[in-house]
Amino acid sequence: MSLLEPINKLIDIGKEATENMTNAFMELTGENVEIFFLGLRFALIEYVPEQFGDETYKATRIDFDGVLKGKSLLLLPEKDAVKLEKLLLLDILWDSLVHKEQLPDYEEMEKSLINEVGNIVISSFLNVFANKLGGTINITPPEFIKDMGFSIVESLITEIAEKTDIVMLFDNKVEIVGRFPIKCHMIIFIDPESFEKLDKIF
């Protein structure tokens, strides 16, 4: 098997997951959505936090196990996260006005919305792996994090540094058609003990 073959397989998985994410995003927002898979990168973990710098991000962390075990992060630059929140908050505001209900606390809504987006995106990705491996992948409840990108990523890297030197990064651009683009980054760490299971895919 050539070196490029497993990489191409992972790229195909990224593209398939993007299709799943597109459908899920459209259901969530009620808008016409296009998600562009920008590529797969492998990076030495010591250099990954630097790629996110001191810009503020809103992120969701989800760990997973089952047929595949590992950890994941979905990161959105704050300015892009706010665009998405405003879009999703319209329905919440409308429902509150119609039913004359008190609005939830904004910080709680912020956490809930970003976690919902993270849950959709990461689950869509992992479901493709689960289908390819013929099993199930269980995920933890999403954890909301708001901090500098460097700090968010470094906290995950600290946990996995003893197990591996490399992580996979999937880059996507979400386009709410006729409205605005949103950049999001997904970091997937697959536990080394799961590597053998990936042979079924490659």
C-alpha atoms as a PDB file:
ATOM      1  CA  MET A   1       0.000   0.000   0.000  1.00  0.00           C
ATOM      2  CA  SER A   2       1.368   3.423  -0.931  1.00  0.00           C
ATOM      3  CA  LEU A   3       1.639   6.215   1.633  1.00  0.00           C
ATOM      4  CA  LEU A   4      -1.000   8.244  -0.192  1.00  0.00           C
ATOM      5  CA  GLU A   5      -3.689   5.549  -0.108  1.00  0.00           C
ATOM      6  CA  PRO A   6      -4.645   5.863   3.611  1.00  0.00           C
ATOM      7  CA  ILE A   7      -4.450   9.652   3.334  1.00  0.00           C
ATOM      8  CA  ASN A   8      -6.832   9.602   0.376  1.00  0.00           C
ATOM      9  CA  LYS A   9      -9.187   7.337   2.349  1.00  0.00           C
ATOM     10  CA  LEU A  10      -9.231   9.857   5.220  1.00  0.00           C
ATOM     11  CA  ILE A  11      -9.894  12.678   2.765  1.00  0.00           C
ATOM     12  CA  ASP A  12     -12.834  10.706   1.356  1.00  0.00           C
ATOM     13  CA  ILE A  13     -14.147  10.277   4.912  1.00  0.00           C
ATOM     14  CA  GLY A  14     -13.797  14.033   5.453  1.00  0.00           C
ATOM     15  CA  LYS A  15     -15.805  14.726   2.302  1.00  0.00           C
ATOM     16  CA  GLU A  16     -18.514  12.233   3.268  1.00  0.00           C
ATOM     17  CA  ALA A  17     -18.702  13.692   6.773  1.00  0.00           C
ATOM     18  CA  THR A  18     -19.071  17.150   5.235  1.00  0.00           C
ATOM     19  CA  GLU A  19     -22.192  15.999   3.397  1.00  0.00           C
ATOM     20  CA  ASN A  20     -23.639  14.744   6.689  1.00  0.00           C
ATOM     21  CA  MET A  21     -22.764  18.033   8.392  1.00  0.00           C
ATOM     22  CA  THR A  22     -24.440  20.033   5.630  1.00  0.00           C
ATOM     23  CA  ASN A  23     -27.751  18.229   6.100  1.00  0.00           C
ATOM     24  CA  ALA A  24     -27.549  18.567   9.882  1.00  0.00           C
ATOM     25  CA  PHE A  25     -26.730  22.293   9.675  1.00  0.00           C
ATOM     26  CA  MET A  26     -29.707  22.907   7.390  1.00  0.00           C
ATOM     27  CA  GLU A  27     -32.012  21.172   9.865  1.00  0.00           C
ATOM     28  CA  LEU A  28     -30.555  23.197  12.740  1.00  0.00           C
ATOM     29  CA  THR A  29     -30.691  26.629  11.068  1.00  0.00           C
ATOM     30  CA  GLY A  30     -33.585  26.229   8.638  1.00  0.00           C
ATOM     31  CA  GLU A  31     -31.326  27.937   6.076  1.00  0.00           C
ATOM     32  CA  ASN A  32     -29.715  26.811   2.843  1.00  0.00           C
ATOM     33  CA  VAL A  33     -26.200  25.782   3.919  1.00  0.00           C
ATOM     34  CA  GLU A  34     -23.089  24.769   2.023  1.00  0.00           C
ATOM     35  CA  ILE A  35     -20.095  23.297   3.840  1.00  0.00           C
ATOM     36  CA  PHE A  36     -16.803  23.135   2.008  1.00  0.00           C
ATOM     37  CA  PHE A  37     -14.214  20.574   3.043  1.00  0.00           C
ATOM     38  CA  LEU A  38     -10.943  22.510   2.828  1.00  0.00           C
ATOM     39  CA  GLY A  39      -8.628  19.638   3.548  1.00  0.00           C
ATOM     40  CA  LEU A  40      -6.954  17.275   5.959  1.00  0.00           C
ATOM     41  CA  ARG A  41      -3.710  18.117   7.734  1.00  0.00           C
ATOM     42  CA  PHE A  42      -1.373  16.146   9.965  1.00  0.00           C
ATOM     43  CA  ALA A  43       0.576  18.226  12.440  1.00  0.00           C
ATOM     44  CA  LEU A  44       3.118  17.697  15.208  1.00  0.00           C
ATOM     45  CA  ILE A  45       1.217  18.401  18.407  1.00  0.00           C
ATOM     46  CA  GLU A  46       3.815  20.823  19.726  1.00  0.00           C
ATOM     47  CA  TYR A  47       3.080  23.200  16.827  1.00  0.00           C
ATOM     48  CA  VAL A  48      -0.720  22.971  16.794  1.00  0.00           C
ATOM     49  CA  PRO A  49      -1.533  25.506  19.578  1.00  0.00           C
ATOM     50  CA  GLU A  50       0.562  28.155  17.802  1.00  0.00           C
ATOM     51  CA  GLN A  51      -1.714  27.924  14.755  1.00  0.00           C
ATOM     52  CA  PHE A  52      -4.579  29.409  16.779  1.00  0.00           C
ATOM     53  CA  GLY A  53      -2.664  32.213  18.475  1.00  0.00           C
ATOM     54  CA  ASP A  54      -4.248  34.665  20.923  1.00  0.00           C
ATOM     55  CA  GLU A  55      -7.509  35.154  19.013  1.00  0.00           C
ATOM     56  CA  THR A  56     -10.595  34.327  21.092  1.00  0.00           C
ATOM     57  CA  TYR A  57     -12.422  31.164  20.076  1.00  0.00           C
ATOM     58  CA  LYS A  58     -15.591  29.456  21.167  1.00  0.00           C
ATOM     59  CA  ALA A  59     -15.128  25.719  21.205  1.00  0.00           C
ATOM     60  CA  THR A  60     -16.768  22.426  21.997  1.00  0.00           C
ATOM     61  CA  ARG A  61     -14.854  19.435  23.274  1.00  0.00           C
ATOM     62  CA  ILE A  62     -16.198  15.905  22.900  1.00  0.00           C
ATOM     63  CA  ASP A  63     -14.404  12.687  23.846  1.00  0.00           C
ATOM     64  CA  PHE A  64     -15.430   9.402  22.277  1.00  0.00           C
ATOM     65  CA  ASP A  65     -15.004   5.647  22.618  1.00  0.00           C
ATOM     66  CA  GLY A  66     -16.438   2.424  21.262  1.00  0.00           C
ATOM     67  CA  VAL A  67     -15.230   1.130  17.917  1.00  0.00           C
ATOM     68  CA  LEU A  68     -12.904   4.151  17.884  1.00  0.00           C
ATOM     69  CA  LYS A  69     -11.484   5.992  20.886  1.00  0.00           C
ATOM     70  CA  GLY A  70     -10.151   9.521  21.125  1.00  0.00           C
ATOM     71  CA  LYS A  71     -10.801  13.208  21.734  1.00  0.00           C
ATOM     72  CA  SER A  72     -12.049  16.035  19.550  1.00  0.00           C
ATOM     73  CA  LEU A  73     -12.373  19.810  19.459  1.00  0.00           C
ATOM     74  CA  LEU A  74     -14.473  22.057  17.264  1.00  0.00           C
ATOM     75  CA  LEU A  75     -13.220  25.647  17.261  1.00  0.00           C
ATOM     76  CA  LEU A  76     -14.930  28.750  15.854  1.00  0.00           C
ATOM     77  CA  PRO A  77     -13.340  32.207  15.900  1.00  0.00           C
ATOM     78  CA  GLU A  78     -15.487  34.350  18.192  1.00  0.00           C
ATOM     79  CA  LYS A  79     -16.544  36.710  15.390  1.00  0.00           C
ATOM     80  CA  ASP A  80     -17.821  33.761  13.353  1.00  0.00           C
ATOM     81  CA  ALA A  81     -19.448  32.108  16.366  1.00  0.00           C
ATOM     82  CA  VAL A  82     -21.396  35.314  17.053  1.00  0.00           C
ATOM     83  CA  LYS A  83     -22.735  35.344  13.473  1.00  0.00           C
ATOM     84  CA  LEU A  84     -24.019  31.829  13.927  1.00  0.00           C
ATOM     85  CA  GLU A  85     -25.473  32.567  17.357  1.00  0.00           C
ATOM     86  CA  LYS A  86     -27.420  35.562  16.033  1.00  0.00           C
ATOM     87  CA  LEU A  87     -28.925  33.415  13.313  1.00  0.00           C
ATOM     88  CA  LEU A  88     -29.938  30.666  15.733  1.00  0.00           C
ATOM     89  CA  LEU A  89     -31.150  33.103  18.388  1.00  0.00           C
ATOM     90  CA  LEU A  90     -33.809  34.528  16.075  1.00  0.00           C
ATOM     91  CA  ASP A  91     -35.962  31.431  16.567  1.00  0.00           C
ATOM     92  CA  ILE A  92     -35.482  31.539  20.334  1.00  0.00           C
ATOM     93  CA  LEU A  93     -36.406  35.247  20.471  1.00  0.00           C
ATOM     94  CA  TRP A  94     -39.454  34.708  18.281  1.00  0.00           C
ATOM     95  CA  ASP A  95     -40.699  31.808  20.401  1.00  0.00           C
ATOM     96  CA  SER A  96     -40.246  33.872  23.556  1.00  0.00           C
ATOM     97  CA  LEU A  97     -42.265  36.756  22.103  1.00  0.00           C
ATOM     98  CA  VAL A  98     -45.033  34.527  20.792  1.00  0.00           C
ATOM     99  CA  HIS A  99     -45.378  32.534  23.995  1.00  0.00           C
ATOM    100  CA  LYS A 100     -44.574  35.526  26.254  1.00  0.00           C
ATOM    101  CA  GLU A 101     -41.841  33.591  27.976  1.00  0.00           C
ATOM    102  CA  GLN A 102     -38.796  35.020  29.705  1.00  0.00           C
ATOM    103  CA  LEU A 103     -35.628  34.877  27.645  1.00  0.00           C
ATOM    104  CA  PRO A 104     -32.922  32.501  28.886  1.00  0.00           C
ATOM    105  CA  ASP A 105     -29.656  33.974  30.156  1.00  0.00           C
ATOM    106  CA  TYR A 106     -27.421  34.902  27.199  1.00  0.00           C
ATOM    107  CA  GLU A 107     -24.373  33.026  28.526  1.00  0.00           C
ATOM    108  CA  GLU A 108     -26.475  29.891  28.874  1.00  0.00           C
ATOM    109  CA  MET A 109     -27.833  30.314  25.336  1.00  0.00           C
ATOM    110  CA  GLU A 110     -24.312  30.870  24.038  1.00  0.00           C
ATOM    111  CA  LYS A 111     -23.069  27.631  25.609  1.00  0.00           C
ATOM    112  CA  SER A 112     -26.111  25.692  24.474  1.00  0.00           C
ATOM    113  CA  LEU A 113     -25.938  26.878  20.865  1.00  0.00           C
ATOM    114  CA  ILE A 114     -22.211  26.331  20.379  1.00  0.00           C
ATOM    115  CA  ASN A 115     -22.411  22.929  22.043  1.00  0.00           C
ATOM    116  CA  GLU A 116     -25.280  21.980  19.751  1.00  0.00           C
ATOM    117  CA  VAL A 117     -23.247  22.995  16.703  1.00  0.00           C
ATOM    118  CA  GLY A 118     -20.210  21.103  18.002  1.00  0.00           C
ATOM    119  CA  ASN A 119     -22.307  18.039  18.722  1.00  0.00           C
ATOM    120  CA  ILE A 120     -23.730  18.065  15.183  1.00  0.00           C
ATOM    121  CA  VAL A 121     -20.402  18.580  13.426  1.00  0.00           C
ATOM    122  CA  ILE A 122     -18.349  16.088  15.455  1.00  0.00           C
ATOM    123  CA  SER A 123     -21.099  13.438  15.517  1.00  0.00           C
ATOM    124  CA  SER A 124     -21.509  13.712  11.744  1.00  0.00           C
ATOM    125  CA  PHE A 125     -17.817  13.090  11.315  1.00  0.00           C
ATOM    126  CA  LEU A 126     -17.611  10.205  13.773  1.00  0.00           C
ATOM    127  CA  ASN A 127     -20.714   8.527  12.327  1.00  0.00           C
ATOM    128  CA  VAL A 128     -18.880   8.071   9.038  1.00  0.00           C
ATOM    129  CA  PHE A 129     -16.032   6.321  10.867  1.00  0.00           C
ATOM    130  CA  ALA A 130     -18.521   4.176  12.780  1.00  0.00           C
ATOM    131  CA  ASN A 131     -20.258   3.095   9.567  1.00  0.00           C
ATOM    132  CA  LYS A 132     -16.962   2.262   7.879  1.00  0.00           C
ATOM    133  CA  LEU A 133     -15.860   0.192  10.887  1.00  0.00           C
ATOM    134  CA  GLY A 134     -19.222  -1.518  11.321  1.00  0.00           C
ATOM    135  CA  GLY A 135     -19.698  -0.486  14.935  1.00  0.00           C
ATOM    136  CA  THR A 136     -20.826   2.341  17.184  1.00  0.00           C
ATOM    137  CA  ILE A 137     -18.990   5.324  18.640  1.00  0.00           C
ATOM    138  CA  ASN A 138     -20.172   6.751  21.951  1.00  0.00           C
ATOM    139  CA  ILE A 139     -19.613  10.432  22.714  1.00  0.00           C
ATOM    140  CA  THR A 140     -19.457  12.421  25.934  1.00  0.00           C
ATOM    141  CA  PRO A 141     -21.730  15.428  26.527  1.00  0.00           C
ATOM    142  CA  PRO A 142     -20.230  18.465  24.773  1.00  0.00           C
ATOM    143  CA  GLU A 143     -18.108  20.795  26.906  1.00  0.00           C
ATOM    144  CA  PHE A 144     -18.185  24.528  26.065  1.00  0.00           C
ATOM    145  CA  ILE A 145     -14.899  26.457  26.203  1.00  0.00           C
ATOM    146  CA  LYS A 146     -14.264  30.148  25.526  1.00  0.00           C
ATOM    147  CA  ASP A 147     -10.656  31.263  25.614  1.00  0.00           C
ATOM    148  CA  MET A 148      -7.678  32.113  23.445  1.00  0.00           C
ATOM    149  CA  GLY A 149      -7.276  29.520  20.707  1.00  0.00           C
ATOM    150  CA  PHE A 150      -3.763  28.723  21.911  1.00  0.00           C
ATOM    151  CA  SER A 151      -4.975  27.952  25.448  1.00  0.00           C
ATOM    152  CA  ILE A 152      -7.923  25.803  24.310  1.00  0.00           C
ATOM    153  CA  VAL A 153      -5.790  23.632  22.068  1.00  0.00           C
ATOM    154  CA  GLU A 154      -2.866  23.464  24.477  1.00  0.00           C
ATOM    155  CA  SER A 155      -5.105  22.003  27.197  1.00  0.00           C
ATOM    156  CA  LEU A 156      -6.007  19.093  24.911  1.00  0.00           C
ATOM    157  CA  ILE A 157      -2.438  18.659  23.694  1.00  0.00           C
ATOM    158  CA  THR A 158      -1.211  18.378  27.297  1.00  0.00           C
ATOM    159  CA  GLU A 159      -3.510  15.389  27.829  1.00  0.00           C
ATOM    160  CA  ILE A 160      -2.488  13.505  24.712  1.00  0.00           C
ATOM    161  CA  ALA A 161       1.229  14.344  24.530  1.00  0.00           C
ATOM    162  CA  GLU A 162       2.260  11.103  26.228  1.00  0.00           C
ATOM    163  CA  LYS A 163       0.356   8.997  23.699  1.00  0.00           C
ATOM    164  CA  THR A 164       1.188  10.520  20.323  1.00  0.00           C
ATOM    165  CA  ASP A 165       3.192  13.187  18.519  1.00  0.00           C
ATOM    166  CA  ILE A 166       0.720  13.843  15.701  1.00  0.00           C
ATOM    167  CA  VAL A 167      -2.922  14.942  15.384  1.00  0.00           C
ATOM    168  CA  MET A 168      -5.293  15.224  12.439  1.00  0.00           C
ATOM    169  CA  LEU A 169      -6.930  18.538  11.607  1.00  0.00           C
ATOM    170  CA  PHE A 170      -9.967  18.853   9.350  1.00  0.00           C
ATOM    171  CA  ASP A 171     -10.689  22.355   8.051  1.00  0.00           C
ATOM    172  CA  ASN A 172     -14.154  23.360   6.871  1.00  0.00           C
ATOM    173  CA  LYS A 173     -15.873  26.534   5.748  1.00  0.00           C
ATOM    174  CA  VAL A 174     -19.589  26.835   6.450  1.00  0.00           C
ATOM    175  CA  GLU A 175     -21.529  29.104   4.099  1.00  0.00           C
ATOM    176  CA  ILE A 176     -25.016  30.211   5.103  1.00  0.00           C
ATOM    177  CA  VAL A 177     -26.136  30.888   1.531  1.00  0.00           C
ATOM    178  CA  GLY A 178     -26.988  34.543   0.948  1.00  0.00           C
ATOM    179  CA  ARG A 179     -25.795  35.526   4.416  1.00  0.00           C
ATOM    180  CA  PHE A 180     -22.203  34.912   5.539  1.00  0.00           C
ATOM    181  CA  PRO A 181     -19.307  32.443   5.702  1.00  0.00           C
ATOM    182  CA  ILE A 182     -18.197  30.809   8.956  1.00  0.00           C
ATOM    183  CA  LYS A 183     -14.786  29.288   9.458  1.00  0.00           C
ATOM    184  CA  CYS A 184     -14.484  26.283  11.740  1.00  0.00           C
ATOM    185  CA  HIS A 185     -11.667  23.925  12.636  1.00  0.00           C
ATOM    186  CA  MET A 186     -11.993  20.375  13.882  1.00  0.00           C
ATOM    187  CA  ILE A 187      -9.163  18.598  15.682  1.00  0.00           C
ATOM    188  CA  ILE A 188      -9.428  14.832  15.965  1.00  0.00           C
ATOM    189  CA  PHE A 189      -7.127  12.781  18.158  1.00  0.00           C
ATOM    190  CA  ILE A 190      -7.438   9.032  17.684  1.00  0.00           C
ATOM    191  CA  ASP A 191      -6.006   7.026  20.559  1.00  0.00           C
ATOM    192  CA  PRO A 192      -3.058   4.866  19.375  1.00  0.00           C
ATOM    193  CA  GLU A 193      -4.791   1.760  20.738  1.00  0.00           C
ATOM    194  CA  SER A 194      -7.473   2.297  18.055  1.00  0.00           C
ATOM    195  CA  PHE A 195      -5.047   2.478  15.140  1.00  0.00           C
ATOM    196  CA  GLU A 196      -5.310  -1.215  14.338  1.00  0.00           C
ATOM    197  CA  LYS A 197      -9.067  -0.851  13.889  1.00  0.00           C
ATOM    198  CA  LEU A 198      -8.451   1.651  11.100  1.00  0.00           C
ATOM    199  CA  ASP A 199      -6.935  -1.129   9.010  1.00  0.00           C
ATOM    200  CA  LYS A 200     -10.521  -2.072   8.070  1.00  0.00           C
ATOM    201  CA  ILE A 201     -10.856   1.299   6.347  1.00  0.00           C
ATOM    202  CA  PHE A 202      -7.458   1.384   4.682  1.00  0.00           C
END
